[in-house]
Amino acid sequence: PDHDQYIRRFGNKPPSETEIINTYYGFIRAIRSHYPDAHIICALGSMGAVAPGSPWPDYIKKAVVKLGDKKVYTHFFSYLNGDGHPNANEHQIMANSLIHFIDSHIQW
């Protein structure tokens, strides 16, 4: 909330849960409008967005449910509690997780 870009966009009032969900919903609808037959995986990485107690997975789930699109999925990587951005080993863990998710949910 102290960064110039945040202040320009939101002022001193953070976006509400409804605003976040609706904005994400609109984002996925825009992708769908360009790729009408694609499988879309809405994923969150292994950092703070998936830390215990984070509201972000629930925001994403609610937006996806609102879409009602059987080809839009959610996949949340495990919180790795790393020291900053994921390293190569952590990226491999996430890649394996995503491969397993795709193999389990999408028929090619």
PDB file of N, CA and C in Angstrom:
ATOM      1  N   PRO A   1       0.795  -1.227   0.000  1.00  0.00           N
ATOM      2  CA  PRO A   1       0.000   0.000   0.000  1.00  0.00           C
ATOM      3  C   PRO A   1       0.831   1.283   0.000  1.00  0.00           C
ATOM      4  N   ASP A   2       2.137   1.160   0.214  1.00  0.00           N
ATOM      5  CA  ASP A   2       3.001   2.343   0.249  1.00  0.00           C
ATOM      6  C   ASP A   2       3.646   2.653  -1.096  1.00  0.00           C
ATOM      7  N   HIS A   3       3.466   1.786  -2.098  1.00  0.00           N
ATOM      8  CA  HIS A   3       4.080   2.009  -3.407  1.00  0.00           C
ATOM      9  C   HIS A   3       3.235   2.958  -4.250  1.00  0.00           C
ATOM     10  N   ASP A   4       3.910   3.759  -5.069  1.00  0.00           N
ATOM     11  CA  ASP A   4       3.229   4.746  -5.905  1.00  0.00           C
ATOM     12  C   ASP A   4       2.165   4.115  -6.801  1.00  0.00           C
ATOM     13  N   GLN A   5       2.475   2.966  -7.412  1.00  0.00           N
ATOM     14  CA  GLN A   5       1.516   2.328  -8.315  1.00  0.00           C
ATOM     15  C   GLN A   5       0.248   1.914  -7.562  1.00  0.00           C
ATOM     16  N   TYR A   6       0.418   1.393  -6.369  1.00  0.00           N
ATOM     17  CA  TYR A   6      -0.731   0.983  -5.553  1.00  0.00           C
ATOM     18  C   TYR A   6      -1.589   2.209  -5.218  1.00  0.00           C
ATOM     19  N   ILE A   7      -0.949   3.257  -4.803  1.00  0.00           N
ATOM     20  CA  ILE A   7      -1.662   4.481  -4.413  1.00  0.00           C
ATOM     21  C   ILE A   7      -2.397   5.069  -5.612  1.00  0.00           C
ATOM     22  N   ARG A   8      -1.743   5.086  -6.803  1.00  0.00           N
ATOM     23  CA  ARG A   8      -2.408   5.588  -8.005  1.00  0.00           C
ATOM     24  C   ARG A   8      -3.669   4.788  -8.324  1.00  0.00           C
ATOM     25  N   ARG A   9      -3.585   3.485  -8.152  1.00  0.00           N
ATOM     26  CA  ARG A   9      -4.705   2.618  -8.532  1.00  0.00           C
ATOM     27  C   ARG A   9      -5.796   2.567  -7.466  1.00  0.00           C
ATOM     28  N   PHE A  10      -5.408   2.487  -6.194  1.00  0.00           N
ATOM     29  CA  PHE A  10      -6.389   2.253  -5.133  1.00  0.00           C
ATOM     30  C   PHE A  10      -6.513   3.378  -4.119  1.00  0.00           C
ATOM     31  N   GLY A  11      -5.614   4.360  -4.170  1.00  0.00           N
ATOM     32  CA  GLY A  11      -5.641   5.397  -3.138  1.00  0.00           C
ATOM     33  C   GLY A  11      -5.238   4.789  -1.809  1.00  0.00           C
ATOM     34  N   ASN A  12      -5.953   5.164  -0.769  1.00  0.00           N
ATOM     35  CA  ASN A  12      -5.605   4.611   0.545  1.00  0.00           C
ATOM     36  C   ASN A  12      -6.591   3.530   0.989  1.00  0.00           C
ATOM     37  N   LYS A  13      -7.446   3.095   0.061  1.00  0.00           N
ATOM     38  CA  LYS A  13      -8.427   2.058   0.382  1.00  0.00           C
ATOM     39  C   LYS A  13      -8.116   0.802  -0.437  1.00  0.00           C
ATOM     40  N   PRO A  14      -7.732  -0.293   0.214  1.00  0.00           N
ATOM     41  CA  PRO A  14      -7.420  -1.504  -0.542  1.00  0.00           C
ATOM     42  C   PRO A  14      -8.665  -2.056  -1.233  1.00  0.00           C
ATOM     43  N   PRO A  15      -8.491  -2.783  -2.324  1.00  0.00           N
ATOM     44  CA  PRO A  15      -9.646  -3.356  -3.004  1.00  0.00           C
ATOM     45  C   PRO A  15     -10.349  -4.372  -2.105  1.00  0.00           C
ATOM     46  N   SER A  16     -11.652  -4.421  -2.221  1.00  0.00           N
ATOM     47  CA  SER A  16     -12.427  -5.366  -1.423  1.00  0.00           C
ATOM     48  C   SER A  16     -12.306  -6.768  -2.015  1.00  0.00           C
ATOM     49  N   GLU A  17     -12.738  -7.753  -1.257  1.00  0.00           N
ATOM     50  CA  GLU A  17     -12.762  -9.128  -1.751  1.00  0.00           C
ATOM     51  C   GLU A  17     -13.591  -9.213  -3.030  1.00  0.00           C
ATOM     52  N   THR A  18     -14.715  -8.552  -3.048  1.00  0.00           N
ATOM     53  CA  THR A  18     -15.588  -8.565  -4.231  1.00  0.00           C
ATOM     54  C   THR A  18     -14.875  -7.966  -5.436  1.00  0.00           C
ATOM     55  N   GLU A  19     -14.185  -6.847  -5.245  1.00  0.00           N
ATOM     56  CA  GLU A  19     -13.450  -6.232  -6.354  1.00  0.00           C
ATOM     57  C   GLU A  19     -12.358  -7.155  -6.885  1.00  0.00           C
ATOM     58  N   ILE A  20     -11.653  -7.819  -5.989  1.00  0.00           N
ATOM     59  CA  ILE A  20     -10.573  -8.725  -6.407  1.00  0.00           C
ATOM     60  C   ILE A  20     -11.156  -9.886  -7.204  1.00  0.00           C
ATOM     61  N   ILE A  21     -12.205 -10.494  -6.687  1.00  0.00           N
ATOM     62  CA  ILE A  21     -12.831 -11.638  -7.360  1.00  0.00           C
ATOM     63  C   ILE A  21     -13.374 -11.216  -8.719  1.00  0.00           C
ATOM     64  N   ASN A  22     -14.075 -10.099  -8.777  1.00  0.00           N
ATOM     65  CA  ASN A  22     -14.656  -9.645 -10.048  1.00  0.00           C
ATOM     66  C   ASN A  22     -13.587  -9.278 -11.068  1.00  0.00           C
ATOM     67  N   THR A  23     -12.486  -8.698 -10.622  1.00  0.00           N
ATOM     68  CA  THR A  23     -11.404  -8.348 -11.535  1.00  0.00           C
ATOM     69  C   THR A  23     -10.741  -9.614 -12.088  1.00  0.00           C
ATOM     70  N   TYR A  24     -10.519 -10.592 -11.233  1.00  0.00           N
ATOM     71  CA  TYR A  24      -9.931 -11.847 -11.706  1.00  0.00           C
ATOM     72  C   TYR A  24     -10.893 -12.557 -12.653  1.00  0.00           C
ATOM     73  N   TYR A  25     -12.167 -12.561 -12.319  1.00  0.00           N
ATOM     74  CA  TYR A  25     -13.210 -13.126 -13.177  1.00  0.00           C
ATOM     75  C   TYR A  25     -13.148 -12.479 -14.568  1.00  0.00           C
ATOM     76  N   GLY A  26     -13.066 -11.159 -14.618  1.00  0.00           N
ATOM     77  CA  GLY A  26     -12.976 -10.444 -15.888  1.00  0.00           C
ATOM     78  C   GLY A  26     -11.715 -10.787 -16.656  1.00  0.00           C
ATOM     79  N   PHE A  27     -10.626 -10.958 -15.935  1.00  0.00           N
ATOM     80  CA  PHE A  27      -9.355 -11.331 -16.559  1.00  0.00           C
ATOM     81  C   PHE A  27      -9.471 -12.693 -17.249  1.00  0.00           C
ATOM     82  N   ILE A  28     -10.041 -13.666 -16.572  1.00  0.00           N
ATOM     83  CA  ILE A  28     -10.185 -15.004 -17.156  1.00  0.00           C
ATOM     84  C   ILE A  28     -11.185 -14.976 -18.311  1.00  0.00           C
ATOM     85  N   ARG A  29     -12.249 -14.209 -18.181  1.00  0.00           N
ATOM     86  CA  ARG A  29     -13.205 -14.079 -19.295  1.00  0.00           C
ATOM     87  C   ARG A  29     -12.521 -13.481 -20.523  1.00  0.00           C
ATOM     88  N   ALA A  30     -11.633 -12.521 -20.309  1.00  0.00           N
ATOM     89  CA  ALA A  30     -10.914 -11.912 -21.436  1.00  0.00           C
ATOM     90  C   ALA A  30     -10.012 -12.948 -22.114  1.00  0.00           C
ATOM     91  N   ILE A  31      -9.333 -13.758 -21.322  1.00  0.00           N
ATOM     92  CA  ILE A  31      -8.515 -14.831 -21.906  1.00  0.00           C
ATOM     93  C   ILE A  31      -9.406 -15.786 -22.691  1.00  0.00           C
ATOM     94  N   ARG A  32     -10.523 -16.171 -22.102  1.00  0.00           N
ATOM     95  CA  ARG A  32     -11.444 -17.093 -22.759  1.00  0.00           C
ATOM     96  C   ARG A  32     -11.950 -16.517 -24.083  1.00  0.00           C
ATOM     97  N   SER A  33     -12.180 -15.220 -24.143  1.00  0.00           N
ATOM     98  CA  SER A  33     -12.688 -14.616 -25.383  1.00  0.00           C
ATOM     99  C   SER A  33     -11.688 -14.748 -26.525  1.00  0.00           C
ATOM    100  N   HIS A  34     -10.406 -14.810 -26.208  1.00  0.00           N
ATOM    101  CA  HIS A  34      -9.363 -14.979 -27.225  1.00  0.00           C
ATOM    102  C   HIS A  34      -9.070 -16.445 -27.526  1.00  0.00           C
ATOM    103  N   TYR A  35      -9.329 -17.313 -26.556  1.00  0.00           N
ATOM    104  CA  TYR A  35      -9.025 -18.741 -26.686  1.00  0.00           C
ATOM    105  C   TYR A  35     -10.247 -19.557 -26.256  1.00  0.00           C
ATOM    106  N   PRO A  36     -11.280 -19.612 -27.109  1.00  0.00           N
ATOM    107  CA  PRO A  36     -12.555 -20.201 -26.700  1.00  0.00           C
ATOM    108  C   PRO A  36     -12.513 -21.692 -26.383  1.00  0.00           C
ATOM    109  N   ASP A  37     -11.541 -22.422 -26.876  1.00  0.00           N
ATOM    110  CA  ASP A  37     -11.501 -23.866 -26.645  1.00  0.00           C
ATOM    111  C   ASP A  37     -10.378 -24.310 -25.699  1.00  0.00           C
ATOM    112  N   ALA A  38      -9.609 -23.375 -25.206  1.00  0.00           N
ATOM    113  CA  ALA A  38      -8.445 -23.730 -24.388  1.00  0.00           C
ATOM    114  C   ALA A  38      -8.842 -24.200 -22.994  1.00  0.00           C
ATOM    115  N   HIS A  39      -8.004 -25.069 -22.439  1.00  0.00           N
ATOM    116  CA  HIS A  39      -8.065 -25.384 -21.016  1.00  0.00           C
ATOM    117  C   HIS A  39      -7.243 -24.299 -20.321  1.00  0.00           C
ATOM    118  N   ILE A  40      -7.790 -23.715 -19.285  1.00  0.00           N
ATOM    119  CA  ILE A  40      -7.122 -22.630 -18.570  1.00  0.00           C
ATOM    120  C   ILE A  40      -6.922 -23.067 -17.125  1.00  0.00           C
ATOM    121  N   ILE A  41      -5.693 -23.000 -16.665  1.00  0.00           N
ATOM    122  CA  ILE A  41      -5.386 -23.349 -15.283  1.00  0.00           C
ATOM    123  C   ILE A  41      -5.036 -22.068 -14.537  1.00  0.00           C
ATOM    124  N   CYS A  42      -5.845 -21.744 -13.561  1.00  0.00           N
ATOM    125  CA  CYS A  42      -5.602 -20.579 -12.707  1.00  0.00           C
ATOM    126  C   CYS A  42      -4.753 -21.070 -11.537  1.00  0.00           C
ATOM    127  N   ALA A  43      -3.504 -20.684 -11.526  1.00  0.00           N
ATOM    128  CA  ALA A  43      -2.560 -21.206 -10.538  1.00  0.00           C
ATOM    129  C   ALA A  43      -2.004 -20.083  -9.678  1.00  0.00           C
ATOM    130  N   LEU A  44      -1.636 -20.447  -8.475  1.00  0.00           N
ATOM    131  CA  LEU A  44      -0.915 -19.540  -7.586  1.00  0.00           C
ATOM    132  C   LEU A  44       0.379 -20.223  -7.203  1.00  0.00           C
ATOM    133  N   GLY A  45       1.458 -19.455  -7.221  1.00  0.00           N
ATOM    134  CA  GLY A  45       2.778 -19.987  -6.934  1.00  0.00           C
ATOM    135  C   GLY A  45       2.988 -20.374  -5.486  1.00  0.00           C
ATOM    136  N   SER A  46       4.200 -20.666  -5.156  1.00  0.00           N
ATOM    137  CA  SER A  46       4.554 -21.251  -3.865  1.00  0.00           C
ATOM    138  C   SER A  46       4.926 -20.217  -2.802  1.00  0.00           C
ATOM    139  N   MET A  47       4.663 -18.961  -3.098  1.00  0.00           N
ATOM    140  CA  MET A  47       5.082 -17.910  -2.167  1.00  0.00           C
ATOM    141  C   MET A  47       3.917 -17.467  -1.284  1.00  0.00           C
ATOM    142  N   GLY A  48       3.898 -16.235  -0.868  1.00  0.00           N
ATOM    143  CA  GLY A  48       2.937 -15.737   0.107  1.00  0.00           C
ATOM    144  C   GLY A  48       1.477 -15.908  -0.247  1.00  0.00           C
ATOM    145  N   ALA A  49       1.142 -15.946  -1.529  1.00  0.00           N
ATOM    146  CA  ALA A  49      -0.267 -16.064  -1.923  1.00  0.00           C
ATOM    147  C   ALA A  49      -0.888 -17.382  -1.474  1.00  0.00           C
ATOM    148  N   VAL A  50      -0.054 -18.393  -1.224  1.00  0.00           N
ATOM    149  CA  VAL A  50      -0.577 -19.683  -0.765  1.00  0.00           C
ATOM    150  C   VAL A  50      -0.132 -20.013   0.664  1.00  0.00           C
ATOM    151  N   ALA A  51       0.438 -19.042   1.348  1.00  0.00           N
ATOM    152  CA  ALA A  51       0.841 -19.261   2.739  1.00  0.00           C
ATOM    153  C   ALA A  51      -0.399 -19.558   3.582  1.00  0.00           C
ATOM    154  N   PRO A  52      -0.232 -20.310   4.651  1.00  0.00           N
ATOM    155  CA  PRO A  52      -1.386 -20.578   5.516  1.00  0.00           C
ATOM    156  C   PRO A  52      -2.082 -19.280   5.921  1.00  0.00           C
ATOM    157  N   GLY A  53      -3.396 -19.267   5.776  1.00  0.00           N
ATOM    158  CA  GLY A  53      -4.186 -18.100   6.130  1.00  0.00           C
ATOM    159  C   GLY A  53      -4.360 -17.080   5.018  1.00  0.00           C
ATOM    160  N   SER A  54      -3.697 -17.269   3.885  1.00  0.00           N
ATOM    161  CA  SER A  54      -3.830 -16.330   2.774  1.00  0.00           C
ATOM    162  C   SER A  54      -5.239 -16.406   2.189  1.00  0.00           C
ATOM    163  N   PRO A  55      -5.848 -15.260   1.881  1.00  0.00           N
ATOM    164  CA  PRO A  55      -7.180 -15.283   1.272  1.00  0.00           C
ATOM    165  C   PRO A  55      -7.159 -15.538  -0.233  1.00  0.00           C
ATOM    166  N   TRP A  56      -5.969 -15.499  -0.859  1.00  0.00           N
ATOM    167  CA  TRP A  56      -5.903 -15.540  -2.324  1.00  0.00           C
ATOM    168  C   TRP A  56      -6.425 -16.824  -2.955  1.00  0.00           C
ATOM    169  N   PRO A  57      -6.141 -17.995  -2.429  1.00  0.00           N
ATOM    170  CA  PRO A  57      -6.727 -19.183  -3.058  1.00  0.00           C
ATOM    171  C   PRO A  57      -8.255 -19.133  -3.096  1.00  0.00           C
ATOM    172  N   ASP A  58      -8.854 -18.632  -2.044  1.00  0.00           N
ATOM    173  CA  ASP A  58     -10.312 -18.540  -2.004  1.00  0.00           C
ATOM    174  C   ASP A  58     -10.837 -17.533  -3.028  1.00  0.00           C
ATOM    175  N   TYR A  59     -10.132 -16.423  -3.215  1.00  0.00           N
ATOM    176  CA  TYR A  59     -10.532 -15.450  -4.239  1.00  0.00           C
ATOM    177  C   TYR A  59     -10.547 -16.101  -5.616  1.00  0.00           C
ATOM    178  N   ILE A  60      -9.484 -16.843  -5.908  1.00  0.00           N
ATOM    179  CA  ILE A  60      -9.369 -17.476  -7.222  1.00  0.00           C
ATOM    180  C   ILE A  60     -10.460 -18.529  -7.392  1.00  0.00           C
ATOM    181  N   LYS A  61     -10.675 -19.342  -6.373  1.00  0.00           N
ATOM    182  CA  LYS A  61     -11.732 -20.360  -6.442  1.00  0.00           C
ATOM    183  C   LYS A  61     -13.092 -19.717  -6.709  1.00  0.00           C
ATOM    184  N   LYS A  62     -13.400 -18.649  -6.010  1.00  0.00           N
ATOM    185  CA  LYS A  62     -14.702 -17.989  -6.185  1.00  0.00           C
ATOM    186  C   LYS A  62     -14.858 -17.428  -7.596  1.00  0.00           C
ATOM    187  N   ALA A  63     -13.804 -16.854  -8.146  1.00  0.00           N
ATOM    188  CA  ALA A  63     -13.876 -16.327  -9.513  1.00  0.00           C
ATOM    189  C   ALA A  63     -14.102 -17.460 -10.509  1.00  0.00           C
ATOM    190  N   VAL A  64     -13.423 -18.575 -10.316  1.00  0.00           N
ATOM    191  CA  VAL A  64     -13.561 -19.715 -11.231  1.00  0.00           C
ATOM    192  C   VAL A  64     -14.969 -20.314 -11.122  1.00  0.00           C
ATOM    193  N   VAL A  65     -15.488 -20.448  -9.922  1.00  0.00           N
ATOM    194  CA  VAL A  65     -16.853 -20.959  -9.755  1.00  0.00           C
ATOM    195  C   VAL A  65     -17.844 -20.037 -10.460  1.00  0.00           C
ATOM    196  N   LYS A  66     -17.642 -18.748 -10.319  1.00  0.00           N
ATOM    197  CA  LYS A  66     -18.524 -17.760 -10.959  1.00  0.00           C
ATOM    198  C   LYS A  66     -18.517 -17.918 -12.484  1.00  0.00           C
ATOM    199  N   LEU A  67     -17.394 -18.329 -13.054  1.00  0.00           N
ATOM    200  CA  LEU A  67     -17.308 -18.526 -14.503  1.00  0.00           C
ATOM    201  C   LEU A  67     -18.189 -19.677 -14.971  1.00  0.00           C
ATOM    202  N   GLY A  68     -18.256 -20.738 -14.179  1.00  0.00           N
ATOM    203  CA  GLY A  68     -19.037 -21.899 -14.576  1.00  0.00           C
ATOM    204  C   GLY A  68     -18.526 -22.560 -15.846  1.00  0.00           C
ATOM    205  N   ASP A  69     -17.243 -22.520 -16.065  1.00  0.00           N
ATOM    206  CA  ASP A  69     -16.611 -23.030 -17.276  1.00  0.00           C
ATOM    207  C   ASP A  69     -15.850 -24.306 -16.920  1.00  0.00           C
ATOM    208  N   LYS A  70     -16.252 -25.421 -17.486  1.00  0.00           N
ATOM    209  CA  LYS A  70     -15.645 -26.712 -17.139  1.00  0.00           C
ATOM    210  C   LYS A  70     -14.207 -26.863 -17.626  1.00  0.00           C
ATOM    211  N   LYS A  71     -13.751 -25.939 -18.426  1.00  0.00           N
ATOM    212  CA  LYS A  71     -12.368 -25.994 -18.902  1.00  0.00           C
ATOM    213  C   LYS A  71     -11.481 -24.977 -18.188  1.00  0.00           C
ATOM    214  N   VAL A  72     -11.955 -24.439 -17.079  1.00  0.00           N
ATOM    215  CA  VAL A  72     -11.139 -23.541 -16.258  1.00  0.00           C
ATOM    216  C   VAL A  72     -10.960 -24.220 -14.904  1.00  0.00           C
ATOM    217  N   TYR A  73      -9.703 -24.349 -14.502  1.00  0.00           N
ATOM    218  CA  TYR A  73      -9.345 -25.100 -13.311  1.00  0.00           C
ATOM    219  C   TYR A  73      -8.556 -24.203 -12.350  1.00  0.00           C
ATOM    220  N   THR A  74      -8.471 -24.638 -11.109  1.00  0.00           N
ATOM    221  CA  THR A  74      -7.559 -23.993 -10.161  1.00  0.00           C
ATOM    222  C   THR A  74      -6.511 -25.016  -9.738  1.00  0.00           C
ATOM    223  N   HIS A  75      -5.309 -24.519  -9.556  1.00  0.00           N
ATOM    224  CA  HIS A  75      -4.222 -25.356  -9.038  1.00  0.00           C
ATOM    225  C   HIS A  75      -3.325 -24.459  -8.198  1.00  0.00           C
ATOM    226  N   PHE A  76      -3.186 -24.810  -6.942  1.00  0.00           N
ATOM    227  CA  PHE A  76      -2.372 -24.015  -6.033  1.00  0.00           C
ATOM    228  C   PHE A  76      -1.163 -24.836  -5.593  1.00  0.00           C
ATOM    229  N   PHE A  77      -0.004 -24.284  -5.844  1.00  0.00           N
ATOM    230  CA  PHE A  77       1.226 -24.959  -5.445  1.00  0.00           C
ATOM    231  C   PHE A  77       1.363 -24.903  -3.927  1.00  0.00           C
ATOM    232  N   SER A  78       2.025 -25.892  -3.388  1.00  0.00           N
ATOM    233  CA  SER A  78       2.266 -25.927  -1.942  1.00  0.00           C
ATOM    234  C   SER A  78       3.139 -24.758  -1.530  1.00  0.00           C
ATOM    235  N   TYR A  79       2.848 -24.225  -0.366  1.00  0.00           N
ATOM    236  CA  TYR A  79       3.663 -23.153   0.189  1.00  0.00           C
ATOM    237  C   TYR A  79       5.020 -23.727   0.571  1.00  0.00           C
ATOM    238  N   LEU A  80       6.082 -23.209  -0.029  1.00  0.00           N
ATOM    239  CA  LEU A  80       7.416 -23.740   0.205  1.00  0.00           C
ATOM    240  C   LEU A  80       8.189 -22.979   1.274  1.00  0.00           C
ATOM    241  N   ASN A  81       7.665 -21.844   1.696  1.00  0.00           N
ATOM    242  CA  ASN A  81       8.303 -21.055   2.752  1.00  0.00           C
ATOM    243  C   ASN A  81       9.781 -20.826   2.455  1.00  0.00           C
ATOM    244  N   GLY A  82      10.052 -20.548   1.188  1.00  0.00           N
ATOM    245  CA  GLY A  82      11.435 -20.324   0.773  1.00  0.00           C
ATOM    246  C   GLY A  82      11.927 -18.942   1.158  1.00  0.00           C
ATOM    247  N   ASP A  83      13.160 -18.707   0.828  1.00  0.00           N
ATOM    248  CA  ASP A  83      13.797 -17.428   1.138  1.00  0.00           C
ATOM    249  C   ASP A  83      13.754 -16.548  -0.113  1.00  0.00           C
ATOM    250  N   GLY A  84      12.623 -15.944  -0.388  1.00  0.00           N
ATOM    251  CA  GLY A  84      12.462 -15.131  -1.582  1.00  0.00           C
ATOM    252  C   GLY A  84      11.812 -15.927  -2.691  1.00  0.00           C
ATOM    253  N   HIS A  85      12.113 -15.569  -3.920  1.00  0.00           N
ATOM    254  CA  HIS A  85      11.542 -16.261  -5.077  1.00  0.00           C
ATOM    255  C   HIS A  85      12.067 -17.695  -5.139  1.00  0.00           C
ATOM    256  N   PRO A  86      11.278 -18.589  -5.744  1.00  0.00           N
ATOM    257  CA  PRO A  86      11.696 -19.993  -5.809  1.00  0.00           C
ATOM    258  C   PRO A  86      13.039 -20.171  -6.522  1.00  0.00           C
ATOM    259  N   ASN A  87      13.789 -21.132  -6.036  1.00  0.00           N
ATOM    260  CA  ASN A  87      15.051 -21.484  -6.686  1.00  0.00           C
ATOM    261  C   ASN A  87      14.786 -22.595  -7.697  1.00  0.00           C
ATOM    262  N   ALA A  88      15.819 -23.077  -8.358  1.00  0.00           N
ATOM    263  CA  ALA A  88      15.644 -24.082  -9.406  1.00  0.00           C
ATOM    264  C   ALA A  88      14.997 -25.356  -8.872  1.00  0.00           C
ATOM    265  N   ASN A  89      15.403 -25.808  -7.703  1.00  0.00           N
ATOM    266  CA  ASN A  89      14.817 -27.013  -7.116  1.00  0.00           C
ATOM    267  C   ASN A  89      13.323 -26.803  -6.825  1.00  0.00           C
ATOM    268  N   GLU A  90      12.971 -25.644  -6.302  1.00  0.00           N
ATOM    269  CA  GLU A  90      11.558 -25.347  -6.009  1.00  0.00           C
ATOM    270  C   GLU A  90      10.742 -25.229  -7.290  1.00  0.00           C
ATOM    271  N   HIS A  91      11.344 -24.683  -8.333  1.00  0.00           N
ATOM    272  CA  HIS A  91      10.660 -24.636  -9.634  1.00  0.00           C
ATOM    273  C   HIS A  91      10.393 -26.052 -10.141  1.00  0.00           C
ATOM    274  N   GLN A  92      11.332 -26.950  -9.935  1.00  0.00           N
ATOM    275  CA  GLN A  92      11.138 -28.338 -10.363  1.00  0.00           C
ATOM    276  C   GLN A  92       9.996 -28.983  -9.582  1.00  0.00           C
ATOM    277  N   ILE A  93       9.912 -28.706  -8.298  1.00  0.00           N
ATOM    278  CA  ILE A  93       8.803 -29.220  -7.475  1.00  0.00           C
ATOM    279  C   ILE A  93       7.471 -28.707  -8.025  1.00  0.00           C
ATOM    280  N   MET A  94       7.413 -27.423  -8.364  1.00  0.00           N
ATOM    281  CA  MET A  94       6.175 -26.854  -8.909  1.00  0.00           C
ATOM    282  C   MET A  94       5.867 -27.444 -10.282  1.00  0.00           C
ATOM    283  N   ALA A  95       6.893 -27.620 -11.118  1.00  0.00           N
ATOM    284  CA  ALA A  95       6.684 -28.207 -12.439  1.00  0.00           C
ATOM    285  C   ALA A  95       6.099 -29.611 -12.310  1.00  0.00           C
ATOM    286  N   ASN A  96       6.651 -30.412 -11.404  1.00  0.00           N
ATOM    287  CA  ASN A  96       6.138 -31.764 -11.200  1.00  0.00           C
ATOM    288  C   ASN A  96       4.689 -31.743 -10.728  1.00  0.00           C
ATOM    289  N   SER A  97       4.377 -30.804  -9.852  1.00  0.00           N
ATOM    290  CA  SER A  97       3.009 -30.662  -9.358  1.00  0.00           C
ATOM    291  C   SER A  97       2.048 -30.304 -10.494  1.00  0.00           C
ATOM    292  N   LEU A  98       2.469 -29.383 -11.348  1.00  0.00           N
ATOM    293  CA  LEU A  98       1.620 -28.966 -12.469  1.00  0.00           C
ATOM    294  C   LEU A  98       1.452 -30.095 -13.487  1.00  0.00           C
ATOM    295  N   ILE A  99       2.522 -30.811 -13.770  1.00  0.00           N
ATOM    296  CA  ILE A  99       2.429 -31.939 -14.700  1.00  0.00           C
ATOM    297  C   ILE A  99       1.432 -32.969 -14.170  1.00  0.00           C
ATOM    298  N   HIS A 100       1.528 -33.283 -12.886  1.00  0.00           N
ATOM    299  CA  HIS A 100       0.597 -34.235 -12.280  1.00  0.00           C
ATOM    300  C   HIS A 100      -0.841 -33.712 -12.379  1.00  0.00           C
ATOM    301  N   PHE A 101      -1.037 -32.432 -12.106  1.00  0.00           N
ATOM    302  CA  PHE A 101      -2.380 -31.845 -12.193  1.00  0.00           C
ATOM    303  C   PHE A 101      -2.939 -31.974 -13.615  1.00  0.00           C
ATOM    304  N   ILE A 102      -2.144 -31.602 -14.594  1.00  0.00           N
ATOM    305  CA  ILE A 102      -2.596 -31.672 -15.990  1.00  0.00           C
ATOM    306  C   ILE A 102      -2.917 -33.116 -16.364  1.00  0.00           C
ATOM    307  N   ASP A 103      -2.036 -34.031 -16.037  1.00  0.00           N
ATOM    308  CA  ASP A 103      -2.270 -35.435 -16.366  1.00  0.00           C
ATOM    309  C   ASP A 103      -3.534 -35.976 -15.699  1.00  0.00           C
ATOM    310  N   SER A 104      -3.863 -35.459 -14.526  1.00  0.00           N
ATOM    311  CA  SER A 104      -5.029 -35.939 -13.776  1.00  0.00           C
ATOM    312  C   SER A 104      -6.344 -35.283 -14.181  1.00  0.00           C
ATOM    313  N   HIS A 105      -6.288 -34.109 -14.807  1.00  0.00           N
ATOM    314  CA  HIS A 105      -7.520 -33.347 -15.044  1.00  0.00           C
ATOM    315  C   HIS A 105      -7.855 -33.049 -16.508  1.00  0.00           C
ATOM    316  N   ILE A 106      -6.882 -33.152 -17.389  1.00  0.00           N
ATOM    317  CA  ILE A 106      -7.115 -32.731 -18.769  1.00  0.00           C
ATOM    318  C   ILE A 106      -6.855 -33.902 -19.710  1.00  0.00           C
ATOM    319  N   GLN A 107      -7.856 -34.192 -20.511  1.00  0.00           N
ATOM    320  CA  GLN A 107      -7.713 -35.244 -21.519  1.00  0.00           C
ATOM    321  C   GLN A 107      -7.243 -34.595 -22.818  1.00  0.00           C
ATOM    322  N   TRP A 108      -6.146 -35.044 -23.351  1.00  0.00           N
ATOM    323  CA  TRP A 108      -5.595 -34.473 -24.580  1.00  0.00           C
ATOM    324  C   TRP A 108      -6.135 -35.179 -25.767  1.00  0.00           C
TER     325      TRP A 108
END
